[in-house]
């Protein structure tokens, strides 16, 4: 964020009544959460792979089961 934008926001915060400062802080937390959720989107290839497995009705791979079979 540019220094001028930070100064502008800071000036606006200084002029708000105390009762609204907490509301602004909550809104900032909401925006941060929303951004983190959007940036954690599941890639399209992964969605397609899951849908393919569901459609094929394949059992999920169990690594421990595979190791047991190899050790037999």
PDB file of N, CA and C in Angstrom:
ATOM      1  N   UNK A   1       0.847  -1.163   0.000  1.00  0.00           N
ATOM      2  CA  UNK A   1       0.000   0.000   0.000  1.00  0.00           C
ATOM      3  C   UNK A   1       0.902   1.239   0.000  1.00  0.00           C
ATOM      4  N   UNK A   2       0.532   2.208  -0.774  1.00  0.00           N
ATOM      5  CA  UNK A   2       1.323   3.426  -0.864  1.00  0.00           C
ATOM      6  C   UNK A   2       1.203   4.226   0.429  1.00  0.00           C
ATOM      7  N   UNK A   3       2.263   4.951   0.740  1.00  0.00           N
ATOM      8  CA  UNK A   3       2.294   5.748   1.965  1.00  0.00           C
ATOM      9  C   UNK A   3       1.170   6.779   1.995  1.00  0.00           C
ATOM     10  N   UNK A   4       0.831   7.333   0.830  1.00  0.00           N
ATOM     11  CA  UNK A   4      -0.237   8.334   0.795  1.00  0.00           C
ATOM     12  C   UNK A   4      -1.586   7.709   1.123  1.00  0.00           C
ATOM     13  N   UNK A   5      -1.810   6.485   0.670  1.00  0.00           N
ATOM     14  CA  UNK A   5      -3.072   5.795   0.976  1.00  0.00           C
ATOM     15  C   UNK A   5      -3.153   5.486   2.464  1.00  0.00           C
ATOM     16  N   UNK A   6      -2.057   5.052   3.050  1.00  0.00           N
ATOM     17  CA  UNK A   6      -2.031   4.757   4.483  1.00  0.00           C
ATOM     18  C   UNK A   6      -2.291   6.033   5.284  1.00  0.00           C
ATOM     19  N   UNK A   7      -1.663   7.135   4.878  1.00  0.00           N
ATOM     20  CA  UNK A   7      -1.877   8.408   5.560  1.00  0.00           C
ATOM     21  C   UNK A   7      -3.339   8.840   5.442  1.00  0.00           C
ATOM     22  N   UNK A   8      -3.925   8.665   4.271  1.00  0.00           N
ATOM     23  CA  UNK A   8      -5.316   9.036   4.045  1.00  0.00           C
ATOM     24  C   UNK A   8      -6.250   8.235   4.962  1.00  0.00           C
ATOM     25  N   UNK A   9      -6.031   6.933   5.027  1.00  0.00           N
ATOM     26  CA  UNK A   9      -6.853   6.077   5.897  1.00  0.00           C
ATOM     27  C   UNK A   9      -6.634   6.461   7.358  1.00  0.00           C
ATOM     28  N   UNK A  10      -5.391   6.706   7.732  1.00  0.00           N
ATOM     29  CA  UNK A  10      -5.075   7.076   9.108  1.00  0.00           C
ATOM     30  C   UNK A  10      -5.753   8.395   9.497  1.00  0.00           C
ATOM     31  N   UNK A  11      -5.750   9.360   8.597  1.00  0.00           N
ATOM     32  CA  UNK A  11      -6.423  10.635   8.861  1.00  0.00           C
ATOM     33  C   UNK A  11      -7.923  10.439   9.062  1.00  0.00           C
ATOM     34  N   UNK A  12      -8.510   9.580   8.244  1.00  0.00           N
ATOM     35  CA  UNK A  12      -9.940   9.311   8.381  1.00  0.00           C
ATOM     36  C   UNK A  12     -10.246   8.614   9.702  1.00  0.00           C
ATOM     37  N   UNK A  13      -9.374   7.682  10.099  1.00  0.00           N
ATOM     38  CA  UNK A  13      -9.572   6.988  11.373  1.00  0.00           C
ATOM     39  C   UNK A  13      -9.497   7.951  12.551  1.00  0.00           C
ATOM     40  N   UNK A  14      -8.590   8.898  12.474  1.00  0.00           N
ATOM     41  CA  UNK A  14      -8.435   9.868  13.570  1.00  0.00           C
ATOM     42  C   UNK A  14      -9.688  10.711  13.757  1.00  0.00           C
ATOM     43  N   UNK A  15     -10.443  10.913  12.689  1.00  0.00           N
ATOM     44  CA  UNK A  15     -11.643  11.743  12.760  1.00  0.00           C
ATOM     45  C   UNK A  15     -12.899  10.965  13.147  1.00  0.00           C
ATOM     46  N   UNK A  16     -12.801   9.643  13.239  1.00  0.00           N
ATOM     47  CA  UNK A  16     -13.965   8.837  13.623  1.00  0.00           C
ATOM     48  C   UNK A  16     -14.152   8.843  15.130  1.00  0.00           C
ATOM     49  N   UNK A  17     -15.403   8.758  15.569  1.00  0.00           N
ATOM     50  CA  UNK A  17     -15.628   8.596  17.010  1.00  0.00           C
ATOM     51  C   UNK A  17     -15.138   7.215  17.461  1.00  0.00           C
ATOM     52  N   UNK A  18     -14.760   7.125  18.732  1.00  0.00           N
ATOM     53  CA  UNK A  18     -14.229   5.869  19.281  1.00  0.00           C
ATOM     54  C   UNK A  18     -15.165   4.692  19.061  1.00  0.00           C
ATOM     55  N   UNK A  19     -16.450   4.947  19.084  1.00  0.00           N
ATOM     56  CA  UNK A  19     -17.424   3.859  18.937  1.00  0.00           C
ATOM     57  C   UNK A  19     -17.341   3.209  17.554  1.00  0.00           C
ATOM     58  N   UNK A  20     -16.860   3.940  16.567  1.00  0.00           N
ATOM     59  CA  UNK A  20     -16.764   3.373  15.216  1.00  0.00           C
ATOM     60  C   UNK A  20     -15.401   2.748  14.934  1.00  0.00           C
ATOM     61  N   UNK A  21     -14.397   3.066  15.721  1.00  0.00           N
ATOM     62  CA  UNK A  21     -13.054   2.510  15.498  1.00  0.00           C
ATOM     63  C   UNK A  21     -13.085   0.989  15.585  1.00  0.00           C
ATOM     64  N   UNK A  22     -13.793   0.454  16.583  1.00  0.00           N
ATOM     65  CA  UNK A  22     -13.887  -1.007  16.725  1.00  0.00           C
ATOM     66  C   UNK A  22     -14.608  -1.623  15.534  1.00  0.00           C
ATOM     67  N   UNK A  23     -15.629  -0.937  15.037  1.00  0.00           N
ATOM     68  CA  UNK A  23     -16.363  -1.434  13.868  1.00  0.00           C
ATOM     69  C   UNK A  23     -15.451  -1.477  12.638  1.00  0.00           C
ATOM     70  N   UNK A  24     -14.622  -0.467  12.483  1.00  0.00           N
ATOM     71  CA  UNK A  24     -13.669  -0.435  11.363  1.00  0.00           C
ATOM     72  C   UNK A  24     -12.657  -1.570  11.507  1.00  0.00           C
ATOM     73  N   UNK A  25     -12.192  -1.799  12.725  1.00  0.00           N
ATOM     74  CA  UNK A  25     -11.235  -2.885  12.964  1.00  0.00           C
ATOM     75  C   UNK A  25     -11.858  -4.237  12.613  1.00  0.00           C
ATOM     76  N   UNK A  26     -13.123  -4.427  12.979  1.00  0.00           N
ATOM     77  CA  UNK A  26     -13.819  -5.679  12.631  1.00  0.00           C
ATOM     78  C   UNK A  26     -13.962  -5.815  11.120  1.00  0.00           C
ATOM     79  N   UNK A  27     -14.241  -4.712  10.455  1.00  0.00           N
ATOM     80  CA  UNK A  27     -14.385  -4.761   8.998  1.00  0.00           C
ATOM     81  C   UNK A  27     -13.054  -5.094   8.335  1.00  0.00           C
ATOM     82  N   UNK A  28     -11.974  -4.554   8.845  1.00  0.00           N
ATOM     83  CA  UNK A  28     -10.646  -4.878   8.311  1.00  0.00           C
ATOM     84  C   UNK A  28     -10.360  -6.362   8.496  1.00  0.00           C
ATOM     85  N   UNK A  29     -10.718  -6.898   9.678  1.00  0.00           N
ATOM     86  CA  UNK A  29     -10.551  -8.339   9.917  1.00  0.00           C
ATOM     87  C   UNK A  29     -11.374  -9.150   8.919  1.00  0.00           C
ATOM     88  N   UNK A  30     -12.598  -8.709   8.655  1.00  0.00           N
ATOM     89  CA  UNK A  30     -13.456  -9.391   7.689  1.00  0.00           C
ATOM     90  C   UNK A  30     -12.823  -9.387   6.300  1.00  0.00           C
ATOM     91  N   UNK A  31     -12.315  -8.234   5.884  1.00  0.00           N
ATOM     92  CA  UNK A  31     -11.685  -8.148   4.560  1.00  0.00           C
ATOM     93  C   UNK A  31     -10.460  -9.055   4.468  1.00  0.00           C
ATOM     94  N   UNK A  32      -9.668  -9.092   5.530  1.00  0.00           N
ATOM     95  CA  UNK A  32      -8.493  -9.961   5.540  1.00  0.00           C
ATOM     96  C   UNK A  32      -8.907 -11.425   5.437  1.00  0.00           C
ATOM     97  N   UNK A  33      -9.957 -11.812   6.166  1.00  0.00           N
ATOM     98  CA  UNK A  33     -10.455 -13.187   6.104  1.00  0.00           C
ATOM     99  C   UNK A  33     -10.981 -13.515   4.710  1.00  0.00           C
ATOM    100  N   UNK A  34     -11.769 -12.588   4.163  1.00  0.00           N
ATOM    101  CA  UNK A  34     -12.336 -12.799   2.831  1.00  0.00           C
ATOM    102  C   UNK A  34     -11.229 -12.974   1.795  1.00  0.00           C
ATOM    103  N   UNK A  35     -10.211 -12.142   1.870  1.00  0.00           N
ATOM    104  CA  UNK A  35      -9.096 -12.239   0.926  1.00  0.00           C
ATOM    105  C   UNK A  35      -8.364 -13.565   1.090  1.00  0.00           C
ATOM    106  N   UNK A  36      -8.175 -14.000   2.340  1.00  0.00           N
ATOM    107  CA  UNK A  36      -7.460 -15.260   2.559  1.00  0.00           C
ATOM    108  C   UNK A  36      -8.251 -16.431   2.003  1.00  0.00           C
ATOM    109  N   UNK A  37      -9.588 -16.376   2.074  1.00  0.00           N
ATOM    110  CA  UNK A  37     -10.425 -17.445   1.532  1.00  0.00           C
ATOM    111  C   UNK A  37     -10.372 -17.468   0.014  1.00  0.00           C
ATOM    112  N   UNK A  38     -10.379 -16.288  -0.592  1.00  0.00           N
ATOM    113  CA  UNK A  38     -10.325 -16.204  -2.050  1.00  0.00           C
ATOM    114  C   UNK A  38      -8.979 -16.678  -2.577  1.00  0.00           C
ATOM    115  N   UNK A  39      -7.909 -16.412  -1.826  1.00  0.00           N
ATOM    116  CA  UNK A  39      -6.585 -16.797  -2.298  1.00  0.00           C
ATOM    117  C   UNK A  39      -6.321 -18.282  -2.077  1.00  0.00           C
ATOM    118  N   UNK A  40      -7.168 -18.954  -1.312  1.00  0.00           N
ATOM    119  CA  UNK A  40      -7.017 -20.386  -1.066  1.00  0.00           C
ATOM    120  C   UNK A  40      -7.963 -21.215  -1.924  1.00  0.00           C
ATOM    121  N   UNK A  41      -8.295 -20.719  -3.086  1.00  0.00           N
ATOM    122  CA  UNK A  41      -9.201 -21.426  -3.982  1.00  0.00           C
ATOM    123  C   UNK A  41      -8.585 -22.771  -4.391  1.00  0.00           C
ATOM    124  N   UNK A  42      -9.422 -23.754  -4.556  1.00  0.00           N
ATOM    125  CA  UNK A  42      -8.973 -25.069  -4.991  1.00  0.00           C
ATOM    126  C   UNK A  42      -8.717 -25.001  -6.496  1.00  0.00           C
ATOM    127  N   UNK A  43      -7.547 -25.466  -6.944  1.00  0.00           N
ATOM    128  CA  UNK A  43      -7.248 -25.426  -8.383  1.00  0.00           C
ATOM    129  C   UNK A  43      -8.243 -26.268  -9.181  1.00  0.00           C
ATOM    130  N   UNK A  44      -8.495 -25.853 -10.406  1.00  0.00           N
ATOM    131  CA  UNK A  44      -9.464 -26.533 -11.258  1.00  0.00           C
ATOM    132  C   UNK A  44      -9.090 -27.995 -11.491  1.00  0.00           C
ATOM    133  N   UNK A  45      -7.808 -28.280 -11.679  1.00  0.00           N
ATOM    134  CA  UNK A  45      -7.393 -29.667 -11.940  1.00  0.00           C
ATOM    135  C   UNK A  45      -7.736 -30.562 -10.751  1.00  0.00           C
ATOM    136  N   UNK A  46      -7.638 -30.002  -9.542  1.00  0.00           N
ATOM    137  CA  UNK A  46      -7.934 -30.801  -8.358  1.00  0.00           C
ATOM    138  C   UNK A  46      -9.435 -31.071  -8.260  1.00  0.00           C
ATOM    139  N   UNK A  47     -10.243 -30.071  -8.582  1.00  0.00           N
ATOM    140  CA  UNK A  47     -11.689 -30.279  -8.596  1.00  0.00           C
ATOM    141  C   UNK A  47     -12.069 -31.360  -9.599  1.00  0.00           C
ATOM    142  N   UNK A  48     -11.460 -31.307 -10.791  1.00  0.00           N
ATOM    143  CA  UNK A  48     -11.754 -32.293 -11.834  1.00  0.00           C
ATOM    144  C   UNK A  48     -11.348 -33.691 -11.398  1.00  0.00           C
ATOM    145  N   UNK A  49     -10.212 -33.806 -10.737  1.00  0.00           N
ATOM    146  CA  UNK A  49      -9.743 -35.109 -10.273  1.00  0.00           C
ATOM    147  C   UNK A  49     -10.701 -35.697  -9.245  1.00  0.00           C
ATOM    148  N   UNK A  50     -11.166 -34.876  -8.326  1.00  0.00           N
ATOM    149  CA  UNK A  50     -12.118 -35.345  -7.312  1.00  0.00           C
ATOM    150  C   UNK A  50     -13.413 -35.779  -7.981  1.00  0.00           C
ATOM    151  N   UNK A  51     -13.905 -34.973  -8.922  1.00  0.00           N
ATOM    152  CA  UNK A  51     -15.143 -35.342  -9.624  1.00  0.00           C
ATOM    153  C   UNK A  51     -14.967 -36.630 -10.418  1.00  0.00           C
ATOM    154  N   UNK A  52     -13.819 -36.807 -11.051  1.00  0.00           N
ATOM    155  CA  UNK A  52     -13.553 -38.047 -11.788  1.00  0.00           C
ATOM    156  C   UNK A  52     -13.576 -39.250 -10.863  1.00  0.00           C
ATOM    157  N   UNK A  53     -12.967 -39.120  -9.697  1.00  0.00           N
ATOM    158  CA  UNK A  53     -12.949 -40.237  -8.745  1.00  0.00           C
ATOM    159  C   UNK A  53     -14.349 -40.539  -8.224  1.00  0.00           C
ATOM    160  N   UNK A  54     -15.130 -39.488  -8.007  1.00  0.00           N
ATOM    161  CA  UNK A  54     -16.508 -39.701  -7.553  1.00  0.00           C
ATOM    162  C   UNK A  54     -17.298 -40.415  -8.632  1.00  0.00           C
ATOM    163  N   UNK A  55     -17.148 -39.965  -9.871  1.00  0.00           N
ATOM    164  CA  UNK A  55     -17.892 -40.570 -10.979  1.00  0.00           C
ATOM    165  C   UNK A  55     -17.469 -42.007 -11.240  1.00  0.00           C
ATOM    166  N   UNK A  56     -16.195 -42.304 -11.035  1.00  0.00           N
ATOM    167  CA  UNK A  56     -15.710 -43.665 -11.242  1.00  0.00           C
ATOM    168  C   UNK A  56     -15.978 -44.544 -10.028  1.00  0.00           C
ATOM    169  N   UNK A  57     -16.398 -43.913  -8.944  1.00  0.00           N
ATOM    170  CA  UNK A  57     -16.709 -44.623  -7.703  1.00  0.00           C
ATOM    171  C   UNK A  57     -15.512 -45.425  -7.213  1.00  0.00           C
ATOM    172  N   UNK A  58     -14.323 -44.830  -7.351  1.00  0.00           N
ATOM    173  CA  UNK A  58     -13.117 -45.497  -6.893  1.00  0.00           C
ATOM    174  C   UNK A  58     -12.916 -45.267  -5.410  1.00  0.00           C
ATOM    175  N   UNK A  59     -12.409 -46.285  -4.764  1.00  0.00           N
ATOM    176  CA  UNK A  59     -12.094 -46.169  -3.348  1.00  0.00           C
ATOM    177  C   UNK A  59     -10.832 -45.316  -3.207  1.00  0.00           C
ATOM    178  N   UNK A  60     -10.806 -44.485  -2.189  1.00  0.00           N
ATOM    179  CA  UNK A  60      -9.630 -43.650  -1.932  1.00  0.00           C
ATOM    180  C   UNK A  60      -8.420 -44.522  -1.639  1.00  0.00           C
ATOM    181  N   UNK A  61      -7.264 -44.053  -2.009  1.00  0.00           N
ATOM    182  CA  UNK A  61      -6.036 -44.796  -1.784  1.00  0.00           C
ATOM    183  C   UNK A  61      -5.687 -44.737  -0.305  1.00  0.00           C
ATOM    184  N   UNK A  62      -5.406 -45.912   0.267  1.00  0.00           N
ATOM    185  CA  UNK A  62      -4.992 -45.995   1.664  1.00  0.00           C
ATOM    186  C   UNK A  62      -3.533 -46.427   1.680  1.00  0.00           C
ATOM    187  N   UNK A  63      -2.652 -45.480   1.993  1.00  0.00           N
ATOM    188  CA  UNK A  63      -1.215 -45.754   1.947  1.00  0.00           C
ATOM    189  C   UNK A  63      -0.816 -46.871   2.901  1.00  0.00           C
ATOM    190  N   UNK A  64      -1.431 -46.923   4.076  1.00  0.00           N
ATOM    191  CA  UNK A  64      -1.089 -47.972   5.043  1.00  0.00           C
ATOM    192  C   UNK A  64      -1.484 -49.337   4.532  1.00  0.00           C
ATOM    193  N   UNK A  65      -2.630 -49.408   3.872  1.00  0.00           N
ATOM    194  CA  UNK A  65      -3.086 -50.668   3.289  1.00  0.00           C
ATOM    195  C   UNK A  65      -2.116 -51.115   2.180  1.00  0.00           C
ATOM    196  N   UNK A  66      -1.650 -50.177   1.397  1.00  0.00           N
ATOM    197  CA  UNK A  66      -0.712 -50.497   0.323  1.00  0.00           C
ATOM    198  C   UNK A  66       0.594 -51.041   0.901  1.00  0.00           C
ATOM    199  N   UNK A  67       1.073 -50.438   1.975  1.00  0.00           N
ATOM    200  CA  UNK A  67       2.317 -50.901   2.620  1.00  0.00           C
ATOM    201  C   UNK A  67       2.138 -52.307   3.172  1.00  0.00           C
ATOM    202  N   UNK A  68       0.975 -52.566   3.813  1.00  0.00           N
ATOM    203  CA  UNK A  68       0.697 -53.900   4.336  1.00  0.00           C
ATOM    204  C   UNK A  68       0.722 -54.945   3.233  1.00  0.00           C
ATOM    205  N   UNK A  69       0.134 -54.623   2.070  1.00  0.00           N
ATOM    206  CA  UNK A  69       0.107 -55.556   0.958  1.00  0.00           C
ATOM    207  C   UNK A  69       1.510 -55.810   0.414  1.00  0.00           C
ATOM    208  N   UNK A  70       2.337 -54.790   0.402  1.00  0.00           N
ATOM    209  CA  UNK A  70       3.710 -54.964  -0.075  1.00  0.00           C
ATOM    210  C   UNK A  70       4.529 -55.823   0.872  1.00  0.00           C
ATOM    211  N   UNK A  71       4.219 -55.762   2.137  1.00  0.00           N
ATOM    212  CA  UNK A  71       4.971 -56.523   3.135  1.00  0.00           C
ATOM    213  C   UNK A  71       4.497 -57.978   3.230  1.00  0.00           C
ATOM    214  N   UNK A  72       3.417 -58.348   2.585  1.00  0.00           N
ATOM    215  CA  UNK A  72       2.913 -59.730   2.656  1.00  0.00           C
ATOM    216  C   UNK A  72       3.769 -60.661   1.870  1.00  0.00           C
TER     217      UNK A  72
END
